[in-house]
Amino acid sequence: MLYVITCVDKPDHLQVRLDNRPAHLDYLNSFADKLIGAGPTLSEKDDAMNGSVVILDLANQAEAEDFCANDPYAKAGLFESVTISKWKKVLPA
């Protein structure tokens, strides 16, 4: 099952993101066989990173929750909110 994980950073936490980015990228790479796509969201004002979107092919909701809980960004307290949604890919086929 595909899951879209949408994370919103806490205000004024860009340095937390930057400090933990290498560990976060290593963590994502450890899921390379399950990773469909990932990247930061950007602010309209200045294109500063302000959140994350990750799409993973995981077995179930519990596995998605475990992924989120162990993300170095989450462990560093970066996120104001995290949403996990099931997703059905339609296009491109």
PDB file of N, CA and C in Angstrom:
ATOM      1  N   MET A   1       0.841  -1.177   0.000  1.00  0.00           N
ATOM      2  CA  MET A   1       0.000   0.000   0.000  1.00  0.00           C
ATOM      3  C   MET A   1       0.884   1.236   0.000  1.00  0.00           C
ATOM      4  N   LEU A   2       0.489   2.219  -0.781  1.00  0.00           N
ATOM      5  CA  LEU A   2       1.229   3.478  -0.815  1.00  0.00           C
ATOM      6  C   LEU A   2       0.711   4.416   0.275  1.00  0.00           C
ATOM      7  N   TYR A   3       1.648   5.106   0.912  1.00  0.00           N
ATOM      8  CA  TYR A   3       1.334   6.084   1.944  1.00  0.00           C
ATOM      9  C   TYR A   3       2.031   7.396   1.617  1.00  0.00           C
ATOM     10  N   VAL A   4       1.268   8.491   1.733  1.00  0.00           N
ATOM     11  CA  VAL A   4       1.834   9.826   1.617  1.00  0.00           C
ATOM     12  C   VAL A   4       1.963  10.377   3.034  1.00  0.00           C
ATOM     13  N   ILE A   5       3.167  10.762   3.378  1.00  0.00           N
ATOM     14  CA  ILE A   5       3.447  11.329   4.693  1.00  0.00           C
ATOM     15  C   ILE A   5       3.748  12.810   4.474  1.00  0.00           C
ATOM     16  N   THR A   6       2.913  13.647   5.089  1.00  0.00           N
ATOM     17  CA  THR A   6       3.056  15.091   4.942  1.00  0.00           C
ATOM     18  C   THR A   6       3.410  15.674   6.303  1.00  0.00           C
ATOM     19  N   CYS A   7       4.527  16.374   6.345  1.00  0.00           N
ATOM     20  CA  CYS A   7       5.022  16.937   7.596  1.00  0.00           C
ATOM     21  C   CYS A   7       5.132  18.452   7.458  1.00  0.00           C
ATOM     22  N   VAL A   8       4.735  19.159   8.494  1.00  0.00           N
ATOM     23  CA  VAL A   8       4.849  20.610   8.549  1.00  0.00           C
ATOM     24  C   VAL A   8       5.829  20.955   9.663  1.00  0.00           C
ATOM     25  N   ASP A   9       6.844  21.747   9.318  1.00  0.00           N
ATOM     26  CA  ASP A   9       7.847  22.147  10.308  1.00  0.00           C
ATOM     27  C   ASP A   9       7.262  23.138  11.307  1.00  0.00           C
ATOM     28  N   LYS A  10       7.794  23.117  12.513  1.00  0.00           N
ATOM     29  CA  LYS A  10       7.477  24.152  13.493  1.00  0.00           C
ATOM     30  C   LYS A  10       8.056  25.476  12.989  1.00  0.00           C
ATOM     31  N   PRO A  11       7.404  26.589  13.295  1.00  0.00           N
ATOM     32  CA  PRO A  11       7.951  27.889  12.897  1.00  0.00           C
ATOM     33  C   PRO A  11       9.354  28.099  13.461  1.00  0.00           C
ATOM     34  N   ASP A  12      10.181  28.745  12.681  1.00  0.00           N
ATOM     35  CA  ASP A  12      11.534  29.116  13.112  1.00  0.00           C
ATOM     36  C   ASP A  12      12.396  27.913  13.476  1.00  0.00           C
ATOM     37  N   HIS A  13      12.203  26.804  12.783  1.00  0.00           N
ATOM     38  CA  HIS A  13      12.989  25.595  13.034  1.00  0.00           C
ATOM     39  C   HIS A  13      13.860  25.195  11.842  1.00  0.00           C
ATOM     40  N   LEU A  14      14.145  26.142  10.955  1.00  0.00           N
ATOM     41  CA  LEU A  14      14.961  25.813   9.785  1.00  0.00           C
ATOM     42  C   LEU A  14      16.327  25.266  10.198  1.00  0.00           C
ATOM     43  N   GLN A  15      16.931  25.824  11.241  1.00  0.00           N
ATOM     44  CA  GLN A  15      18.246  25.333  11.652  1.00  0.00           C
ATOM     45  C   GLN A  15      18.177  23.893  12.145  1.00  0.00           C
ATOM     46  N   VAL A  16      17.092  23.515  12.804  1.00  0.00           N
ATOM     47  CA  VAL A  16      16.910  22.120  13.230  1.00  0.00           C
ATOM     48  C   VAL A  16      16.882  21.224  11.992  1.00  0.00           C
ATOM     49  N   ARG A  17      16.172  21.658  10.953  1.00  0.00           N
ATOM     50  CA  ARG A  17      16.125  20.904   9.699  1.00  0.00           C
ATOM     51  C   ARG A  17      17.525  20.769   9.112  1.00  0.00           C
ATOM     52  N   LEU A  18      18.236  21.871   9.018  1.00  0.00           N
ATOM     53  CA  LEU A  18      19.573  21.843   8.407  1.00  0.00           C
ATOM     54  C   LEU A  18      20.540  20.979   9.215  1.00  0.00           C
ATOM     55  N   ASP A  19      20.472  21.065  10.525  1.00  0.00           N
ATOM     56  CA  ASP A  19      21.375  20.291  11.383  1.00  0.00           C
ATOM     57  C   ASP A  19      21.135  18.787  11.255  1.00  0.00           C
ATOM     58  N   ASN A  20      19.899  18.388  10.995  1.00  0.00           N
ATOM     59  CA  ASN A  20      19.546  16.969  10.960  1.00  0.00           C
ATOM     60  C   ASN A  20      19.359  16.416   9.555  1.00  0.00           C
ATOM     61  N   ARG A  21      19.563  17.254   8.551  1.00  0.00           N
ATOM     62  CA  ARG A  21      19.343  16.839   7.159  1.00  0.00           C
ATOM     63  C   ARG A  21      20.187  15.635   6.738  1.00  0.00           C
ATOM     64  N   PRO A  22      21.491  15.596   7.024  1.00  0.00           N
ATOM     65  CA  PRO A  22      22.270  14.416   6.605  1.00  0.00           C
ATOM     66  C   PRO A  22      21.725  13.103   7.191  1.00  0.00           C
ATOM     67  N   ALA A  23      21.365  13.105   8.463  1.00  0.00           N
ATOM     68  CA  ALA A  23      20.818  11.891   9.086  1.00  0.00           C
ATOM     69  C   ALA A  23      19.458  11.542   8.481  1.00  0.00           C
ATOM     70  N   HIS A  24      18.648  12.555   8.191  1.00  0.00           N
ATOM     71  CA  HIS A  24      17.336  12.330   7.571  1.00  0.00           C
ATOM     72  C   HIS A  24      17.508  11.702   6.190  1.00  0.00           C
ATOM     73  N   LEU A  25      18.437  12.219   5.400  1.00  0.00           N
ATOM     74  CA  LEU A  25      18.665  11.668   4.055  1.00  0.00           C
ATOM     75  C   LEU A  25      19.190  10.238   4.133  1.00  0.00           C
ATOM     76  N   ASP A  26      20.071   9.960   5.067  1.00  0.00           N
ATOM     77  CA  ASP A  26      20.545   8.583   5.270  1.00  0.00           C
ATOM     78  C   ASP A  26      19.372   7.671   5.628  1.00  0.00           C
ATOM     79  N   TYR A  27      18.488   8.157   6.482  1.00  0.00           N
ATOM     80  CA  TYR A  27      17.312   7.380   6.894  1.00  0.00           C
ATOM     81  C   TYR A  27      16.430   7.084   5.684  1.00  0.00           C
ATOM     82  N   LEU A  28      16.154   8.100   4.874  1.00  0.00           N
ATOM     83  CA  LEU A  28      15.357   7.880   3.660  1.00  0.00           C
ATOM     84  C   LEU A  28      16.026   6.868   2.741  1.00  0.00           C
ATOM     85  N   ASN A  29      17.321   6.982   2.577  1.00  0.00           N
ATOM     86  CA  ASN A  29      18.044   6.049   1.704  1.00  0.00           C
ATOM     87  C   ASN A  29      17.986   4.619   2.218  1.00  0.00           C
ATOM     88  N   SER A  30      17.805   4.446   3.519  1.00  0.00           N
ATOM     89  CA  SER A  30      17.688   3.086   4.057  1.00  0.00           C
ATOM     90  C   SER A  30      16.354   2.443   3.659  1.00  0.00           C
ATOM     91  N   PHE A  31      15.437   3.233   3.130  1.00  0.00           N
ATOM     92  CA  PHE A  31      14.140   2.750   2.637  1.00  0.00           C
ATOM     93  C   PHE A  31      14.080   2.804   1.113  1.00  0.00           C
ATOM     94  N   ALA A  32      15.232   2.805   0.453  1.00  0.00           N
ATOM     95  CA  ALA A  32      15.292   2.998  -1.000  1.00  0.00           C
ATOM     96  C   ALA A  32      14.399   2.030  -1.770  1.00  0.00           C
ATOM     97  N   ASP A  33      14.279   0.801  -1.287  1.00  0.00           N
ATOM     98  CA  ASP A  33      13.448  -0.195  -1.987  1.00  0.00           C
ATOM     99  C   ASP A  33      11.951   0.059  -1.815  1.00  0.00           C
ATOM    100  N   LYS A  34      11.577   0.941  -0.889  1.00  0.00           N
ATOM    101  CA  LYS A  34      10.170   1.246  -0.620  1.00  0.00           C
ATOM    102  C   LYS A  34       9.813   2.699  -0.941  1.00  0.00           C
ATOM    103  N   LEU A  35      10.824   3.504  -1.252  1.00  0.00           N
ATOM    104  CA  LEU A  35      10.640   4.934  -1.447  1.00  0.00           C
ATOM    105  C   LEU A  35      10.180   5.243  -2.864  1.00  0.00           C
ATOM    106  N   ILE A  36       9.031   5.899  -2.982  1.00  0.00           N
ATOM    107  CA  ILE A  36       8.492   6.310  -4.270  1.00  0.00           C
ATOM    108  C   ILE A  36       8.949   7.722  -4.600  1.00  0.00           C
ATOM    109  N   GLY A  37       8.987   8.576  -3.604  1.00  0.00           N
ATOM    110  CA  GLY A  37       9.436   9.955  -3.786  1.00  0.00           C
ATOM    111  C   GLY A  37       9.522  10.657  -2.456  1.00  0.00           C
ATOM    112  N   ALA A  38      10.351  11.697  -2.395  1.00  0.00           N
ATOM    113  CA  ALA A  38      10.499  12.464  -1.163  1.00  0.00           C
ATOM    114  C   ALA A  38      11.111  13.813  -1.478  1.00  0.00           C
ATOM    115  N   GLY A  39      10.739  14.796  -0.691  1.00  0.00           N
ATOM    116  CA  GLY A  39      11.336  16.115  -0.839  1.00  0.00           C
ATOM    117  C   GLY A  39      10.696  17.113   0.092  1.00  0.00           C
ATOM    118  N   PRO A  40      11.349  18.273   0.235  1.00  0.00           N
ATOM    119  CA  PRO A  40      10.820  19.304   1.116  1.00  0.00           C
ATOM    120  C   PRO A  40       9.723  20.114   0.436  1.00  0.00           C
ATOM    121  N   THR A  41       8.808  20.640   1.249  1.00  0.00           N
ATOM    122  CA  THR A  41       7.904  21.670   0.769  1.00  0.00           C
ATOM    123  C   THR A  41       8.608  23.007   0.976  1.00  0.00           C
ATOM    124  N   LEU A  42       8.203  23.996   0.192  1.00  0.00           N
ATOM    125  CA  LEU A  42       8.880  25.290   0.207  1.00  0.00           C
ATOM    126  C   LEU A  42       7.887  26.413   0.473  1.00  0.00           C
ATOM    127  N   SER A  43       8.340  27.422   1.192  1.00  0.00           N
ATOM    128  CA  SER A  43       7.469  28.564   1.475  1.00  0.00           C
ATOM    129  C   SER A  43       7.275  29.388   0.207  1.00  0.00           C
ATOM    130  N   GLU A  44       6.102  29.973   0.086  1.00  0.00           N
ATOM    131  CA  GLU A  44       5.792  30.838  -1.064  1.00  0.00           C
ATOM    132  C   GLU A  44       6.650  32.093  -1.039  1.00  0.00           C
ATOM    133  N   LYS A  45       6.958  32.580   0.152  1.00  0.00           N
ATOM    134  CA  LYS A  45       7.653  33.855   0.305  1.00  0.00           C
ATOM    135  C   LYS A  45       9.100  33.812  -0.183  1.00  0.00           C
ATOM    136  N   ASP A  46       9.848  32.802   0.267  1.00  0.00           N
ATOM    137  CA  ASP A  46      11.280  32.817  -0.032  1.00  0.00           C
ATOM    138  C   ASP A  46      11.846  31.446  -0.408  1.00  0.00           C
ATOM    139  N   ASP A  47      10.976  30.488  -0.706  1.00  0.00           N
ATOM    140  CA  ASP A  47      11.393  29.140  -1.081  1.00  0.00           C
ATOM    141  C   ASP A  47      12.181  28.413   0.007  1.00  0.00           C
ATOM    142  N   ALA A  48      12.081  28.872   1.250  1.00  0.00           N
ATOM    143  CA  ALA A  48      12.744  28.178   2.351  1.00  0.00           C
ATOM    144  C   ALA A  48      12.019  26.860   2.627  1.00  0.00           C
ATOM    145  N   MET A  49      12.766  25.817   2.967  1.00  0.00           N
ATOM    146  CA  MET A  49      12.165  24.531   3.314  1.00  0.00           C
ATOM    147  C   MET A  49      11.316  24.702   4.566  1.00  0.00           C
ATOM    148  N   ASN A  50      10.082  24.168   4.515  1.00  0.00           N
ATOM    149  CA  ASN A  50       9.184  24.333   5.654  1.00  0.00           C
ATOM    150  C   ASN A  50       8.372  23.073   5.977  1.00  0.00           C
ATOM    151  N   GLY A  51       8.736  21.967   5.377  1.00  0.00           N
ATOM    152  CA  GLY A  51       8.038  20.714   5.611  1.00  0.00           C
ATOM    153  C   GLY A  51       8.582  19.628   4.703  1.00  0.00           C
ATOM    154  N   SER A  52       7.921  18.481   4.723  1.00  0.00           N
ATOM    155  CA  SER A  52       8.369  17.337   3.926  1.00  0.00           C
ATOM    156  C   SER A  52       7.180  16.571   3.389  1.00  0.00           C
ATOM    157  N   VAL A  53       7.374  15.963   2.223  1.00  0.00           N
ATOM    158  CA  VAL A  53       6.429  15.000   1.680  1.00  0.00           C
ATOM    159  C   VAL A  53       7.226  13.748   1.330  1.00  0.00           C
ATOM    160  N   VAL A  54       6.759  12.609   1.817  1.00  0.00           N
ATOM    161  CA  VAL A  54       7.408  11.325   1.544  1.00  0.00           C
ATOM    162  C   VAL A  54       6.323  10.354   1.091  1.00  0.00           C
ATOM    163  N   ILE A  55       6.580   9.654   0.001  1.00  0.00           N
ATOM    164  CA  ILE A  55       5.664   8.621  -0.471  1.00  0.00           C
ATOM    165  C   ILE A  55       6.396   7.293  -0.410  1.00  0.00           C
ATOM    166  N   LEU A  56       5.814   6.355   0.327  1.00  0.00           N
ATOM    167  CA  LEU A  56       6.435   5.053   0.549  1.00  0.00           C
ATOM    168  C   LEU A  56       5.457   3.928   0.249  1.00  0.00           C
ATOM    169  N   ASP A  57       5.983   2.810  -0.194  1.00  0.00           N
ATOM    170  CA  ASP A  57       5.196   1.592  -0.375  1.00  0.00           C
ATOM    171  C   ASP A  57       5.445   0.714   0.849  1.00  0.00           C
ATOM    172  N   LEU A  58       4.476   0.715   1.765  1.00  0.00           N
ATOM    173  CA  LEU A  58       4.637   0.020   3.044  1.00  0.00           C
ATOM    174  C   LEU A  58       3.515  -0.992   3.245  1.00  0.00           C
ATOM    175  N   ALA A  59       3.716  -1.914   4.159  1.00  0.00           N
ATOM    176  CA  ALA A  59       2.763  -2.995   4.389  1.00  0.00           C
ATOM    177  C   ALA A  59       1.456  -2.515   5.014  1.00  0.00           C
ATOM    178  N   ASN A  60       1.544  -1.528   5.930  1.00  0.00           N
ATOM    179  CA  ASN A  60       0.349  -1.123   6.661  1.00  0.00           C
ATOM    180  C   ASN A  60       0.584   0.195   7.390  1.00  0.00           C
ATOM    181  N   GLN A  61      -0.466   0.688   8.027  1.00  0.00           N
ATOM    182  CA  GLN A  61      -0.418   1.960   8.759  1.00  0.00           C
ATOM    183  C   GLN A  61       0.620   1.919   9.883  1.00  0.00           C
ATOM    184  N   ALA A  62       0.714   0.781  10.553  1.00  0.00           N
ATOM    185  CA  ALA A  62       1.681   0.666  11.655  1.00  0.00           C
ATOM    186  C   ALA A  62       3.107   0.858  11.154  1.00  0.00           C
ATOM    187  N   GLU A  63       3.410   0.314   9.992  1.00  0.00           N
ATOM    188  CA  GLU A  63       4.752   0.487   9.427  1.00  0.00           C
ATOM    189  C   GLU A  63       4.993   1.953   9.064  1.00  0.00           C
ATOM    190  N   ALA A  64       3.970   2.639   8.569  1.00  0.00           N
ATOM    191  CA  ALA A  64       4.089   4.061   8.254  1.00  0.00           C
ATOM    192  C   ALA A  64       4.316   4.878   9.528  1.00  0.00           C
ATOM    193  N   GLU A  65       3.594   4.546  10.576  1.00  0.00           N
ATOM    194  CA  GLU A  65       3.769   5.235  11.855  1.00  0.00           C
ATOM    195  C   GLU A  65       5.162   5.007  12.423  1.00  0.00           C
ATOM    196  N   ASP A  66       5.672   3.793  12.294  1.00  0.00           N
ATOM    197  CA  ASP A  66       7.018   3.473  12.758  1.00  0.00           C
ATOM    198  C   ASP A  66       8.061   4.264  11.965  1.00  0.00           C
ATOM    199  N   PHE A  67       7.860   4.345  10.641  1.00  0.00           N
ATOM    200  CA  PHE A  67       8.762   5.145   9.800  1.00  0.00           C
ATOM    201  C   PHE A  67       8.811   6.578  10.319  1.00  0.00           C
ATOM    202  N   CYS A  68       7.647   7.156  10.563  1.00  0.00           N
ATOM    203  CA  CYS A  68       7.574   8.543  11.014  1.00  0.00           C
ATOM    204  C   CYS A  68       8.246   8.733  12.375  1.00  0.00           C
ATOM    205  N   ALA A  69       7.986   7.845  13.292  1.00  0.00           N
ATOM    206  CA  ALA A  69       8.520   7.970  14.647  1.00  0.00           C
ATOM    207  C   ALA A  69      10.045   7.897  14.678  1.00  0.00           C
ATOM    208  N   ASN A  70      10.626   7.186  13.721  1.00  0.00           N
ATOM    209  CA  ASN A  70      12.078   6.989  13.727  1.00  0.00           C
ATOM    210  C   ASN A  70      12.835   7.919  12.793  1.00  0.00           C
ATOM    211  N   ASP A  71      12.134   8.799  12.108  1.00  0.00           N
ATOM    212  CA  ASP A  71      12.782   9.785  11.241  1.00  0.00           C
ATOM    213  C   ASP A  71      13.610  10.724  12.119  1.00  0.00           C
ATOM    214  N   PRO A  72      14.878  10.953  11.787  1.00  0.00           N
ATOM    215  CA  PRO A  72      15.696  11.871  12.583  1.00  0.00           C
ATOM    216  C   PRO A  72      15.081  13.264  12.734  1.00  0.00           C
ATOM    217  N   TYR A  73      14.367  13.737  11.734  1.00  0.00           N
ATOM    218  CA  TYR A  73      13.685  15.021  11.876  1.00  0.00           C
ATOM    219  C   TYR A  73      12.663  14.964  13.011  1.00  0.00           C
ATOM    220  N   ALA A  74      11.872  13.909  13.054  1.00  0.00           N
ATOM    221  CA  ALA A  74      10.876  13.776  14.114  1.00  0.00           C
ATOM    222  C   ALA A  74      11.550  13.670  15.479  1.00  0.00           C
ATOM    223  N   LYS A  75      12.608  12.897  15.562  1.00  0.00           N
ATOM    224  CA  LYS A  75      13.321  12.732  16.832  1.00  0.00           C
ATOM    225  C   LYS A  75      13.933  14.044  17.318  1.00  0.00           C
ATOM    226  N   ALA A  76      14.254  14.939  16.355  1.00  0.00           N
ATOM    227  CA  ALA A  76      14.828  16.241  16.707  1.00  0.00           C
ATOM    228  C   ALA A  76      13.753  17.272  17.056  1.00  0.00           C
ATOM    229  N   GLY A  77      12.483  16.896  16.937  1.00  0.00           N
ATOM    230  CA  GLY A  77      11.401  17.811  17.281  1.00  0.00           C
ATOM    231  C   GLY A  77      11.099  18.845  16.207  1.00  0.00           C
ATOM    232  N   LEU A  78      11.404  18.544  14.954  1.00  0.00           N
ATOM    233  CA  LEU A  78      11.211  19.499  13.870  1.00  0.00           C
ATOM    234  C   LEU A  78       9.747  19.748  13.533  1.00  0.00           C
ATOM    235  N   PHE A  79       8.927  18.721  13.588  1.00  0.00           N
ATOM    236  CA  PHE A  79       7.603  18.817  13.000  1.00  0.00           C
ATOM    237  C   PHE A  79       6.527  19.352  13.953  1.00  0.00           C
ATOM    238  N   GLU A  80       5.722  20.261  13.400  1.00  0.00           N
ATOM    239  CA  GLU A  80       4.532  20.753  14.080  1.00  0.00           C
ATOM    240  C   GLU A  80       3.396  19.750  13.925  1.00  0.00           C
ATOM    241  N   SER A  81       3.335  19.123  12.732  1.00  0.00           N
ATOM    242  CA  SER A  81       2.307  18.116  12.479  1.00  0.00           C
ATOM    243  C   SER A  81       2.799  17.110  11.452  1.00  0.00           C
ATOM    244  N   VAL A  82       2.248  15.900  11.546  1.00  0.00           N
ATOM    245  CA  VAL A  82       2.544  14.819  10.608  1.00  0.00           C
ATOM    246  C   VAL A  82       1.221  14.154  10.258  1.00  0.00           C
ATOM    247  N   THR A  83       0.975  14.005   8.968  1.00  0.00           N
ATOM    248  CA  THR A  83      -0.231  13.347   8.492  1.00  0.00           C
ATOM    249  C   THR A  83       0.165  12.157   7.635  1.00  0.00           C
ATOM    250  N   ILE A  84      -0.445  11.020   7.886  1.00  0.00           N
ATOM    251  CA  ILE A  84      -0.212   9.800   7.109  1.00  0.00           C
ATOM    252  C   ILE A  84      -1.508   9.477   6.377  1.00  0.00           C
ATOM    253  N   SER A  85      -1.428   9.382   5.046  1.00  0.00           N
ATOM    254  CA  SER A  85      -2.618   9.097   4.242  1.00  0.00           C
ATOM    255  C   SER A  85      -2.335   7.943   3.288  1.00  0.00           C
ATOM    256  N   LYS A  86      -3.286   7.024   3.171  1.00  0.00           N
ATOM    257  CA  LYS A  86      -3.194   6.023   2.112  1.00  0.00           C
ATOM    258  C   LYS A  86      -3.339   6.745   0.791  1.00  0.00           C
ATOM    259  N   TRP A  87      -2.685   6.200  -0.236  1.00  0.00           N
ATOM    260  CA  TRP A  87      -2.703   6.873  -1.530  1.00  0.00           C
ATOM    261  C   TRP A  87      -2.780   5.837  -2.637  1.00  0.00           C
ATOM    262  N   LYS A  88      -3.576   6.140  -3.644  1.00  0.00           N
ATOM    263  CA  LYS A  88      -3.678   5.284  -4.815  1.00  0.00           C
ATOM    264  C   LYS A  88      -3.090   6.005  -6.007  1.00  0.00           C
ATOM    265  N   LYS A  89      -2.003   5.484  -6.530  1.00  0.00           N
ATOM    266  CA  LYS A  89      -1.363   6.090  -7.706  1.00  0.00           C
ATOM    267  C   LYS A  89      -2.174   5.706  -8.940  1.00  0.00           C
ATOM    268  N   VAL A  90      -2.563   6.721  -9.717  1.00  0.00           N
ATOM    269  CA  VAL A  90      -3.320   6.492 -10.929  1.00  0.00           C
ATOM    270  C   VAL A  90      -2.474   6.836 -12.156  1.00  0.00           C
ATOM    271  N   LEU A  91      -1.813   7.994 -12.119  1.00  0.00           N
ATOM    272  CA  LEU A  91      -1.006   8.430 -13.260  1.00  0.00           C
ATOM    273  C   LEU A  91       0.369   8.858 -12.789  1.00  0.00           C
ATOM    274  N   PRO A  92       1.394   8.760 -13.599  1.00  0.00           N
ATOM    275  CA  PRO A  92       1.361   8.006 -14.847  1.00  0.00           C
ATOM    276  C   PRO A  92       1.210   6.514 -14.582  1.00  0.00           C
ATOM    277  N   ALA A  93       0.601   5.865 -15.533  1.00  0.00           N
ATOM    278  CA  ALA A  93       0.315   4.432 -15.396  1.00  0.00           C
ATOM    279  C   ALA A  93       1.578   3.610 -15.413  1.00  0.00           C
TER     280      ALA A  93
END
